[in-house]
Protein backbone atom coordinates (compact mmCIF):
# COMPACT_ATOMS: atom_id res chain seq x y z
CA MET A 1 18.03 22.10 -4.53
CA GLY A 2 17.30 22.51 -7.94
CA GLY A 3 15.01 23.59 -10.49
CA GLY A 4 14.01 23.78 -14.03
CA ARG A 5 13.65 20.59 -16.42
CA ARG A 6 16.54 18.51 -16.40
CA ALA A 7 17.69 15.00 -17.37
CA PRO A 8 16.54 11.88 -15.57
CA ARG A 9 17.79 12.07 -12.08
CA ARG A 10 18.23 8.41 -9.51
CA TYR A 11 17.20 9.70 -6.26
CA GLY A 12 17.84 7.97 -3.01
CA MET A 13 20.09 7.83 -0.48
CA ALA A 14 23.98 8.88 0.73
CA GLU A 15 25.40 8.83 3.70
CA ASN A 16 22.36 8.13 5.35
CA GLU A 17 20.38 11.46 3.46
CA VAL A 18 17.46 10.80 1.86
CA ARG A 19 16.69 12.41 -1.49
CA LEU A 20 12.92 12.77 -2.63
CA PRO A 21 11.76 14.65 -5.79
CA TRP A 22 9.46 17.61 -4.81
CA GLY A 23 8.07 19.43 -7.58
CA ARG A 24 10.93 20.98 -9.63
CA ASP A 25 13.49 20.85 -6.13
CA GLU A 26 13.99 18.08 -3.81
CA ILE A 27 13.22 17.09 -0.45
CA VAL A 28 16.54 15.95 1.81
CA ALA A 29 16.21 14.19 5.03
CA ARG A 30 18.72 12.27 7.28
CA LEU A 31 17.62 8.86 8.41
CA PRO A 32 18.43 7.52 11.80
CA GLU A 33 21.64 5.75 12.74
CA GLY A 34 20.90 1.73 12.92
CA TRP A 35 18.32 2.08 10.27
CA HIS A 36 19.15 -0.25 6.87
CA LEU A 37 18.09 0.78 3.21
CA ALA A 38 16.84 -2.35 2.00
CA GLY A 39 16.32 -0.61 -1.67
CA VAL A 40 15.74 2.55 -3.53
CA MET A 41 12.70 1.31 -5.87
CA GLU A 42 12.99 3.65 -9.06
CA PRO A 43 10.83 3.05 -12.30
CA ALA A 44 12.59 1.61 -15.49
CA ALA A 45 14.18 4.24 -16.99
CA LEU A 46 12.45 4.14 -20.59
CA ALA A 47 13.14 7.10 -22.61
CA GLY A 48 10.38 8.85 -24.53
CA VAL A 49 10.24 8.68 -28.13
CA ALA A 50 11.25 11.58 -30.01
CA ASP A 51 7.75 12.07 -31.86
CA ALA A 52 4.75 11.31 -30.12
CA GLN A 53 2.75 12.01 -33.02
CA ALA A 54 4.88 9.93 -35.14
CA GLU A 55 4.47 6.93 -32.39
CA ALA A 56 0.66 7.32 -32.52
CA GLU A 57 0.89 7.35 -36.41
CA ARG A 58 3.18 3.85 -36.09
CA ALA A 59 0.34 2.31 -33.75
CA LEU A 60 -2.31 3.27 -36.29
CA GLN A 61 -0.38 1.67 -39.13
CA SER A 62 0.04 -1.69 -37.04
CA PRO A 63 -3.27 -2.27 -35.09
CA ILE A 64 -3.72 -4.82 -32.72
CA GLY A 65 -6.83 -7.10 -32.87
CA LEU A 66 -8.80 -5.01 -34.98
CA PRO A 67 -8.31 -3.59 -39.11
CA HIS A 68 -6.96 -0.16 -39.76
CA LEU A 69 -9.15 2.45 -38.35
CA ALA A 70 -9.19 3.97 -41.81
CA GLU A 71 -10.82 0.47 -42.94
CA MET A 72 -13.08 0.51 -40.26
CA ALA A 73 -14.16 4.07 -41.43
CA ARG A 74 -16.44 5.08 -44.44
CA PRO A 75 -18.53 8.04 -45.82
CA GLY A 76 -21.46 9.36 -43.54
CA LEU A 77 -20.51 7.19 -40.43
CA LYS A 78 -21.18 8.92 -37.15
CA VAL A 79 -18.16 8.59 -34.41
CA ALA A 80 -17.77 9.46 -31.03
CA LEU A 81 -14.25 10.39 -30.03
CA VAL A 82 -13.67 9.75 -26.14
CA ILE A 83 -11.12 11.53 -24.54
CA ASP A 84 -9.75 11.46 -21.10
CA ASP A 85 -9.96 14.20 -18.82
CA ASP A 86 -7.52 16.43 -17.19
CA SER A 87 -6.94 13.83 -14.15
CA ARG A 88 -4.97 11.99 -16.73
CA PRO A 89 -1.86 12.97 -18.08
CA THR A 90 -2.63 11.84 -21.74
CA PRO A 91 -1.32 14.19 -24.11
CA VAL A 92 -4.52 13.85 -26.15
CA ARG A 93 -3.28 16.79 -28.47
CA LEU A 94 -0.77 15.00 -29.75
CA LEU A 95 -2.57 11.56 -30.08
CA LEU A 96 -5.69 13.21 -31.82
CA PRO A 97 -4.17 14.71 -35.28
CA PRO A 98 -3.01 11.25 -36.67
CA VAL A 99 -6.59 9.49 -35.55
CA LEU A 100 -8.53 12.43 -37.24
CA ALA A 101 -6.40 11.64 -40.36
CA GLU A 102 -6.94 8.14 -40.36
CA LEU A 103 -10.69 8.79 -40.24
CA GLU A 104 -10.61 11.17 -42.80
CA ARG A 105 -8.81 8.96 -44.87
CA GLY A 106 -11.66 6.38 -44.59
CA GLY A 107 -13.97 9.26 -45.39
CA VAL A 108 -15.62 10.59 -42.32
CA ALA A 109 -16.07 14.18 -42.39
CA LEU A 110 -15.09 16.24 -39.36
CA GLU A 111 -18.45 17.34 -38.77
CA GLN A 112 -19.54 13.46 -38.39
CA VAL A 113 -17.20 13.48 -35.23
CA THR A 114 -18.11 14.37 -31.84
CA VAL A 115 -15.87 14.86 -28.67
CA VAL A 116 -16.93 13.17 -25.75
CA PRO A 117 -15.11 13.72 -22.46
CA ALA A 118 -14.65 10.41 -20.21
CA LEU A 119 -15.68 12.23 -16.84
CA GLY A 120 -17.29 9.14 -14.49
CA VAL A 121 -18.62 11.02 -12.03
CA HIS A 122 -16.15 14.33 -12.15
CA ARG A 123 -17.70 17.37 -12.83
CA ALA A 124 -18.30 18.75 -16.61
CA MET A 125 -15.24 20.06 -18.50
CA THR A 126 -15.88 23.52 -19.46
CA GLU A 127 -15.30 24.89 -23.20
CA GLU A 128 -11.77 26.13 -22.48
CA GLU A 129 -10.59 23.07 -20.73
CA VAL A 130 -11.80 20.80 -23.95
CA GLY A 131 -9.70 23.30 -25.94
CA ARG A 132 -6.43 22.85 -24.14
CA ARG A 133 -6.93 19.02 -24.28
CA ILE A 134 -7.67 18.48 -27.93
CA GLY A 135 -5.89 21.85 -29.18
CA ARG A 136 -8.08 24.89 -29.90
CA GLU A 137 -7.64 24.17 -33.57
CA TRP A 138 -9.46 21.38 -33.40
CA LEU A 139 -12.10 22.58 -31.01
CA ALA A 140 -13.44 25.41 -33.67
CA ARG A 141 -13.49 22.29 -36.14
CA LEU A 142 -15.38 19.35 -33.86
CA ARG A 143 -18.28 19.01 -32.08
CA TRP A 144 -18.10 18.06 -28.22
CA ALA A 145 -20.65 17.10 -26.19
CA SER A 146 -20.45 16.62 -22.15
CA PRO A 147 -21.91 13.37 -20.84
CA ALA A 148 -23.83 13.52 -17.57
CA CYS A 149 -24.00 10.49 -15.24
CA ASP A 150 -27.09 11.51 -13.68
CA ASP A 151 -29.26 12.52 -16.47
CA PRO A 152 -31.31 9.63 -17.87
CA GLU A 153 -32.15 11.77 -21.20
CA LYS A 154 -28.26 11.18 -21.83
CA LEU A 155 -28.08 7.53 -21.11
CA VAL A 156 -29.14 4.07 -22.74
CA HIS A 157 -29.69 1.13 -21.01
CA LEU A 158 -27.56 -1.90 -22.39
CA GLY A 159 -28.75 -4.84 -19.97
CA THR A 160 -27.04 -6.22 -16.86
CA THR A 161 -23.58 -7.84 -16.54
CA SER A 162 -22.91 -11.49 -15.12
CA ARG A 163 -22.04 -9.69 -11.89
CA GLY A 164 -24.98 -7.79 -11.70
CA THR A 165 -23.84 -4.36 -12.64
CA PRO A 166 -26.89 -2.23 -14.61
CA VAL A 167 -25.18 -0.92 -17.94
CA TYR A 168 -25.64 2.53 -18.23
CA ILE A 169 -24.05 4.12 -21.16
CA ASN A 170 -23.66 7.83 -22.73
CA ARG A 171 -26.27 8.04 -25.69
CA THR A 172 -23.87 9.75 -27.98
CA VAL A 173 -21.77 7.01 -27.84
CA ALA A 174 -24.10 4.30 -27.73
CA GLU A 175 -25.91 5.69 -30.69
CA ALA A 176 -22.43 5.97 -32.79
CA ASP A 177 -21.21 4.09 -35.67
CA LEU A 178 -17.95 4.27 -34.37
CA VAL A 179 -16.35 4.53 -31.16
CA VAL A 180 -12.58 5.64 -30.90
CA SER A 181 -11.03 5.98 -27.17
CA ILE A 182 -7.91 8.22 -26.55
CA GLY A 183 -6.32 7.36 -23.36
CA CYS A 184 -3.16 6.04 -21.60
CA ILE A 185 -2.54 3.21 -19.76
CA GLU A 186 -1.00 3.75 -15.98
CA PRO A 187 -1.10 1.69 -12.69
CA HIS A 188 -4.37 2.13 -11.51
CA ILE A 189 -5.90 1.73 -8.14
CA ILE A 190 -8.87 -0.15 -8.60
CA ALA A 191 -8.42 -1.38 -12.20
CA SER A 192 -5.39 -2.59 -12.14
CA PHE A 193 -4.34 -0.48 -15.28
CA GLY A 194 -5.92 2.38 -16.91
CA GLY A 195 -6.91 2.57 -20.33
CA GLY A 196 -8.67 -0.04 -22.80
CA TYR A 197 -12.31 0.29 -21.94
CA LYS A 198 -11.97 2.33 -18.87
CA ASN A 199 -12.85 5.29 -20.80
CA LEU A 200 -16.48 3.96 -21.57
CA PHE A 201 -16.92 2.25 -18.08
CA PRO A 202 -16.84 4.38 -15.64
CA GLY A 203 -15.62 7.10 -18.19
CA VAL A 204 -18.97 7.68 -20.25
CA ALA A 205 -21.25 5.60 -17.99
CA GLY A 206 -24.49 5.98 -15.59
CA ARG A 207 -23.74 6.49 -12.02
CA ALA A 208 -25.43 3.21 -11.06
CA THR A 209 -23.21 1.51 -13.29
CA ILE A 210 -20.32 3.23 -11.98
CA ALA A 211 -21.49 2.42 -8.12
CA HIS A 212 -21.92 -1.08 -8.73
CA ASN A 213 -18.91 -1.75 -10.72
CA HIS A 214 -16.63 0.13 -8.07
CA SER A 215 -18.43 -2.06 -5.41
CA LEU A 216 -17.20 -5.47 -6.71
CA ASN A 217 -13.32 -4.45 -5.14
CA CYS A 218 -14.67 -3.45 -1.85
CA ARG A 219 -13.59 -6.73 -0.71
CA PRO A 220 -10.38 -7.80 1.21
CA GLU A 221 -9.04 -10.13 -1.11
CA SER A 222 -9.13 -7.49 -4.17
CA PHE A 223 -9.03 -3.98 -2.98
CA ASN A 224 -5.39 -3.26 -3.56
CA ASN A 225 -5.51 -3.95 -7.31
CA VAL A 226 -2.61 -1.45 -8.51
CA GLY A 227 -0.88 -3.55 -11.14
CA ARG A 228 -2.41 -6.68 -10.30
CA PRO A 229 -3.08 -9.54 -13.06
CA ILE A 230 -6.20 -8.43 -14.91
CA GLU A 231 -7.73 -11.86 -14.95
CA ARG A 232 -7.78 -11.82 -11.40
CA ASN A 233 -9.35 -8.27 -11.03
CA PRO A 234 -13.27 -8.42 -10.89
CA MET A 235 -13.78 -4.47 -11.05
CA ARG A 236 -11.76 -4.65 -14.31
CA LEU A 237 -13.39 -7.82 -15.79
CA ASP A 238 -17.02 -6.54 -15.09
CA LEU A 239 -15.82 -3.18 -16.99
CA GLU A 240 -15.00 -5.04 -19.94
CA GLU A 241 -18.22 -7.08 -20.10
CA ALA A 242 -20.03 -4.03 -20.36
CA GLY A 243 -17.59 -2.70 -22.74
CA LYS A 244 -18.74 -5.94 -25.02
CA MET A 245 -22.11 -4.65 -24.82
CA VAL A 246 -21.68 -1.96 -26.82
CA ARG A 247 -23.08 -2.06 -30.25
CA PRO A 248 -20.79 0.10 -32.27
CA PRO A 249 -17.39 -1.26 -32.65
CA VAL A 250 -14.64 0.31 -30.03
CA PHE A 251 -11.10 1.28 -31.08
CA ILE A 252 -8.65 2.12 -28.63
CA VAL A 253 -5.75 4.59 -29.11
CA ASN A 254 -3.56 4.36 -25.77
CA ALA A 255 -0.39 5.78 -24.55
CA VAL A 256 2.22 4.56 -22.42
CA LEU A 257 4.15 7.05 -20.32
CA ASN A 258 7.29 7.18 -18.37
CA SER A 259 7.99 8.66 -15.28
CA ARG A 260 8.37 12.19 -16.48
CA LEU A 261 5.45 11.76 -18.62
CA GLU A 262 6.93 11.17 -21.74
CA VAL A 263 5.55 8.83 -24.39
CA VAL A 264 7.09 5.68 -24.39
CA ARG A 265 4.66 4.00 -26.89
CA VAL A 266 1.50 3.92 -28.38
CA VAL A 267 -0.87 0.91 -28.65
CA ALA A 268 -4.26 1.04 -30.71
CA GLY A 269 -6.76 -1.54 -31.61
CA HIS A 270 -8.90 -3.58 -29.71
CA PRO A 271 -9.67 -2.23 -26.24
CA ILE A 272 -8.80 -5.73 -24.57
CA ASP A 273 -6.20 -7.27 -26.92
CA ALA A 274 -4.22 -3.49 -27.60
CA HIS A 275 -4.50 -2.84 -23.70
CA ARG A 276 -3.17 -6.13 -22.56
CA GLU A 277 -0.24 -5.31 -24.78
CA GLY A 278 0.37 -1.78 -23.52
CA ALA A 279 -0.40 -3.08 -19.86
CA ARG A 280 2.15 -5.08 -20.15
CA THR A 281 4.68 -2.10 -21.04
CA SER A 282 3.45 -0.29 -18.55
CA ALA A 283 4.13 -3.08 -15.81
CA ALA A 284 7.69 -3.38 -17.10
CA ILE A 285 8.36 0.18 -15.91
CA TYR A 286 6.12 0.86 -13.03
CA GLY A 287 6.27 -2.77 -11.15
CA VAL A 288 9.44 -2.82 -9.12
CA PRO A 289 10.63 -6.24 -7.39
CA VAL A 290 11.17 -5.42 -3.74
CA PRO A 291 13.06 -7.97 -1.16
CA GLY A 292 10.05 -8.01 0.75
CA GLU A 293 7.85 -6.20 3.40
CA THR A 294 9.82 -3.47 5.40
CA ASP A 295 9.31 -1.56 8.65
CA ILE A 296 9.31 1.86 7.14
CA VAL A 297 8.27 2.96 3.58
CA ILE A 298 8.65 6.32 2.59
CA ALA A 299 7.30 7.44 -0.46
CA SER A 300 6.86 10.45 -3.05
CA SER A 301 3.66 11.57 -4.68
CA HIS A 302 5.84 12.38 -7.79
CA PRO A 303 4.78 12.44 -10.62
CA MET A 304 1.61 12.68 -9.40
CA ASP A 305 1.71 16.14 -7.79
CA GLN A 306 -1.23 17.88 -9.06
CA ASP A 307 -3.63 17.32 -5.90
CA LEU A 308 -4.12 15.13 -2.77
CA ARG A 309 -6.51 13.07 -4.48
CA GLN A 310 -3.59 12.03 -6.98
CA GLY A 311 -1.11 12.22 -4.18
CA VAL A 312 -2.69 9.74 -2.14
CA LYS A 313 -2.11 7.14 -5.05
CA ALA A 314 1.99 7.05 -3.45
CA LEU A 315 0.08 5.77 -0.32
CA ALA A 316 -2.65 3.35 -2.25
CA ASN A 317 0.36 2.16 -4.64
CA THR A 318 3.46 1.23 -2.26
CA VAL A 319 1.65 0.18 0.99
CA ARG A 320 1.90 -3.34 0.08
CA ALA A 321 5.48 -3.34 0.82
CA LEU A 322 4.78 -2.01 4.59
CA LYS A 323 5.12 -4.83 7.43
CA PRO A 324 2.11 -5.30 9.78
CA GLY A 325 2.76 -2.70 12.48
CA GLY A 326 4.91 -0.67 10.27
CA VAL A 327 5.15 3.15 9.51
CA MET A 328 4.59 4.48 6.12
CA ILE A 329 5.87 8.67 5.36
CA VAL A 330 4.52 9.65 2.28
CA LEU A 331 5.43 13.26 0.84
CA VAL A 332 2.22 14.57 -0.85
CA ARG A 333 3.13 17.49 -3.25
CA ALA A 334 -0.64 18.57 -3.90
CA GLU A 335 0.42 21.67 -5.96
CA GLU A 336 -3.53 22.62 -6.48
CA GLY A 337 -4.79 21.58 -2.92
CA VAL A 338 -7.12 18.91 -2.34
CA GLY A 339 -8.87 18.64 -5.80
CA VAL A 340 -11.78 16.35 -6.46
CA PHE A 341 -11.66 14.20 -3.44
CA GLY A 342 -14.93 13.15 -1.92
CA LEU A 343 -13.52 12.05 1.49
CA ALA A 344 -12.28 15.37 2.46
CA ASN A 345 -16.12 16.68 2.03
CA ARG A 346 -17.22 16.17 5.53
CA LYS A 347 -16.00 15.13 8.93
CA LEU A 348 -16.62 11.43 9.93
CA PRO A 349 -18.00 11.07 13.32
CA VAL A 350 -15.74 9.08 14.81
CA GLY A 351 -11.76 9.55 15.17
CA ARG A 352 -8.33 7.66 14.15
CA ARG A 353 -8.93 5.35 17.29
CA GLY A 354 -12.58 4.86 16.90
CA LEU A 355 -12.27 4.07 12.90
CA LYS A 356 -9.63 1.34 13.96
CA LEU A 357 -11.62 -0.22 16.45
CA LEU A 358 -14.71 0.17 14.46
CA ALA A 359 -13.21 -1.25 11.05
CA PRO A 360 -14.11 -4.77 10.80
CA LEU A 361 -17.38 -3.61 11.11
CA LEU A 362 -17.26 -0.68 8.92
CA LEU A 363 -15.50 -2.88 6.02
CA GLY A 364 -18.44 -5.42 5.97
CA VAL A 365 -21.28 -3.14 5.16
CA LEU A 366 -19.32 -0.36 3.38
CA PRO A 367 -20.48 -1.82 -0.11
CA ARG A 368 -23.83 -1.15 0.75
CA LEU A 369 -24.06 2.06 2.61
CA LYS A 370 -24.87 5.27 1.16
CA LEU A 371 -22.42 8.09 2.30
CA LYS A 372 -23.82 11.54 1.79
CA GLY A 373 -21.17 13.79 0.08
CA MET A 374 -19.15 10.96 -1.47
CA GLY A 375 -18.79 9.64 -4.90
CA GLU A 376 -18.90 6.13 -5.86
CA GLU A 377 -14.63 5.97 -6.15
CA ASP A 378 -14.70 7.73 -2.67
CA ARG A 379 -16.59 4.72 -1.31
CA PHE A 380 -13.72 2.58 -2.71
CA PHE A 381 -11.11 4.87 -1.11
CA LEU A 382 -12.82 4.80 2.17
CA TYR A 383 -12.82 1.04 2.02
CA PHE A 384 -8.86 1.07 1.00
CA ALA A 385 -7.81 3.77 3.89
CA LEU A 386 -9.56 1.40 6.36
CA GLN A 387 -7.93 -1.44 5.12
CA ALA A 388 -4.44 0.57 4.80
CA MET A 389 -4.64 2.28 8.46
CA ARG A 390 -4.98 -1.28 10.17
CA ARG A 391 -1.63 -2.18 8.43
CA GLY A 392 0.46 0.29 10.30
CA GLU A 393 1.01 3.97 10.77
CA LEU A 394 0.33 6.28 8.01
CA LEU A 395 1.91 9.57 8.35
CA LEU A 396 1.63 12.28 5.70
CA TYR A 397 3.51 15.43 4.73
CA ALA A 398 1.08 17.71 2.69
CA PRO A 399 1.83 21.61 3.26
CA THR A 400 -0.86 22.99 1.07
CA ILE A 401 -3.37 20.71 2.90
CA PRO A 402 -5.50 23.47 5.49
CA ALA A 403 -5.83 22.22 8.84
CA GLU A 404 -9.51 22.07 8.51
CA VAL A 405 -9.22 19.18 6.04
CA GLN A 406 -6.72 17.23 7.76
CA ALA A 407 -8.94 17.11 10.67
CA ARG A 408 -11.36 15.28 7.87
CA LEU A 409 -9.53 12.56 7.07
CA PRO A 410 -8.67 10.49 10.35
CA PHE A 411 -7.17 7.46 8.18
CA VAL A 412 -3.75 9.01 8.54
CA THR A 413 -1.63 11.58 10.55
CA PHE A 414 -0.60 14.34 8.96
CA VAL A 415 3.00 16.00 10.10
CA ARG A 416 4.52 19.38 9.72
CA SER A 417 7.60 18.32 8.29
CA PRO A 418 9.52 15.21 6.86
CA ASP A 419 11.46 15.46 9.89
CA GLU A 420 8.83 15.30 12.19
CA ALA A 421 7.50 12.27 9.97
CA LEU A 422 10.91 10.67 10.32
CA ALA A 423 11.06 11.40 14.61
CA ARG A 424 7.67 9.68 14.93
CA ALA A 425 8.87 6.74 12.98
CA ARG A 426 12.05 6.29 14.95
CA ALA A 427 9.76 6.32 18.21
CA ARG A 428 8.65 3.28 16.94
CA PHE A 429 11.90 1.99 15.59
CA PRO A 430 14.47 3.47 17.79
CA GLN A 431 17.57 1.06 17.08
CA ARG A 432 17.01 -1.18 13.64
CA ALA A 433 14.23 -0.85 10.84
CA GLU A 434 14.65 -2.13 7.01
CA VAL A 435 13.51 0.93 4.90
CA LEU A 436 12.22 0.99 1.46
CA ILE A 437 11.98 4.26 -0.39
CA PHE A 438 9.70 4.77 -3.48
CA PRO A 439 10.88 8.19 -4.89
CA HIS A 440 8.15 7.86 -7.95
CA GLY A 441 5.24 6.78 -5.47
CA GLY A 442 2.65 8.04 -7.26
CA SER A 443 3.47 5.71 -10.19
CA THR A 444 5.56 2.97 -9.09
CA TYR A 445 4.11 -0.01 -7.31
CA PRO A 446 6.25 -2.83 -5.35
CA ILE A 447 6.34 -6.65 -6.67
CA LEU A 448 6.64 -8.86 -3.52
CA PRO A 449 8.56 -12.07 -4.10
CA GLU A 450 5.50 -14.40 -3.82
CA GLN A 451 3.95 -12.07 -6.58
CA GLY A 452 6.95 -12.36 -8.61
């Protein structure tokens, strides 16, 4: 096993050995005889830029679909600066200085800028967390205001989208003269890709807005949206329609990161036009063509190793590569444990077998159910989990997750070791099996031949 920061490494298999990233180390396991490796699906090896701030400056000098930020700014303008929270890998503190320099060049004083963290339904950030996010030197010079999705005093109603979503947005953002949004564009289980208007919806939206918008993808044909073409994603199109209802102009600065979380590119400008350009870059990195569905899929949560909520992205991202009736093995590092994950908050009244039997009924009524202790994202994740468990056997190796939490998640079978997972898979496929390996399952997603 290795340690420390190192050059990009190609993971996979040699002499029937599977090697997968595990924090700073790796997990090594042997595949059973007779299993055939169909592919090791790595993200494109794009190098990060030498200077992320310089790349942000370049993007700001070449905005897509909007004038230069300095031209949109003017003295006395109130600016809402929306940043994503710690659940995203965006290097906000590196992107922020060029943005503030452009605003000042246009005549906006720092006293006119208010930082608004995009929390969605997540907990409020502390002052210390905001300081780490933007840099302590800027925390001392900028105001910041935490949104609250349940506080009507902090929300403004803008109307209703054509898909029936009531549009409530943070008052500081709605009453600004200019909105600047700093985020990142990465594959996303619900929205196809992060970034763009997503920092506003759900980022600084009201709970009713978030709930209805998320429910739009609780349907069989659109529940798996990782990397899905945006024009076929109802939830993404709906949040962009809501974004167009915001009165002040919105200017985005979005980073695209590689699998080592280094900035590859920054796009700036219009929240749809610039976002589409960045999404194409993200898809080129993380969308990996696969030969077809396979009997066994093995995925590591890397680089989404922070907690269980992030780690299960490896399952969500790659499950479409699994043949019906196959076995999926997911290695979840979860360095900080469970994280903010509502599905783990309470035990469901039925176990795995009961869920499989009831899944057809539950999938039909779930979008309308009110589930105590579960947030809007969790309703979608529950829908996704029910669909995924119908596809095959889902095995999770997640040693940091306590047994009592494991018992609340009957959608998957927790195993004590990768070898136990392989043994269970071999019991189902004792002689031959086609295997796909996703060493960076937390960020890569398969593109099947019919999707290509």
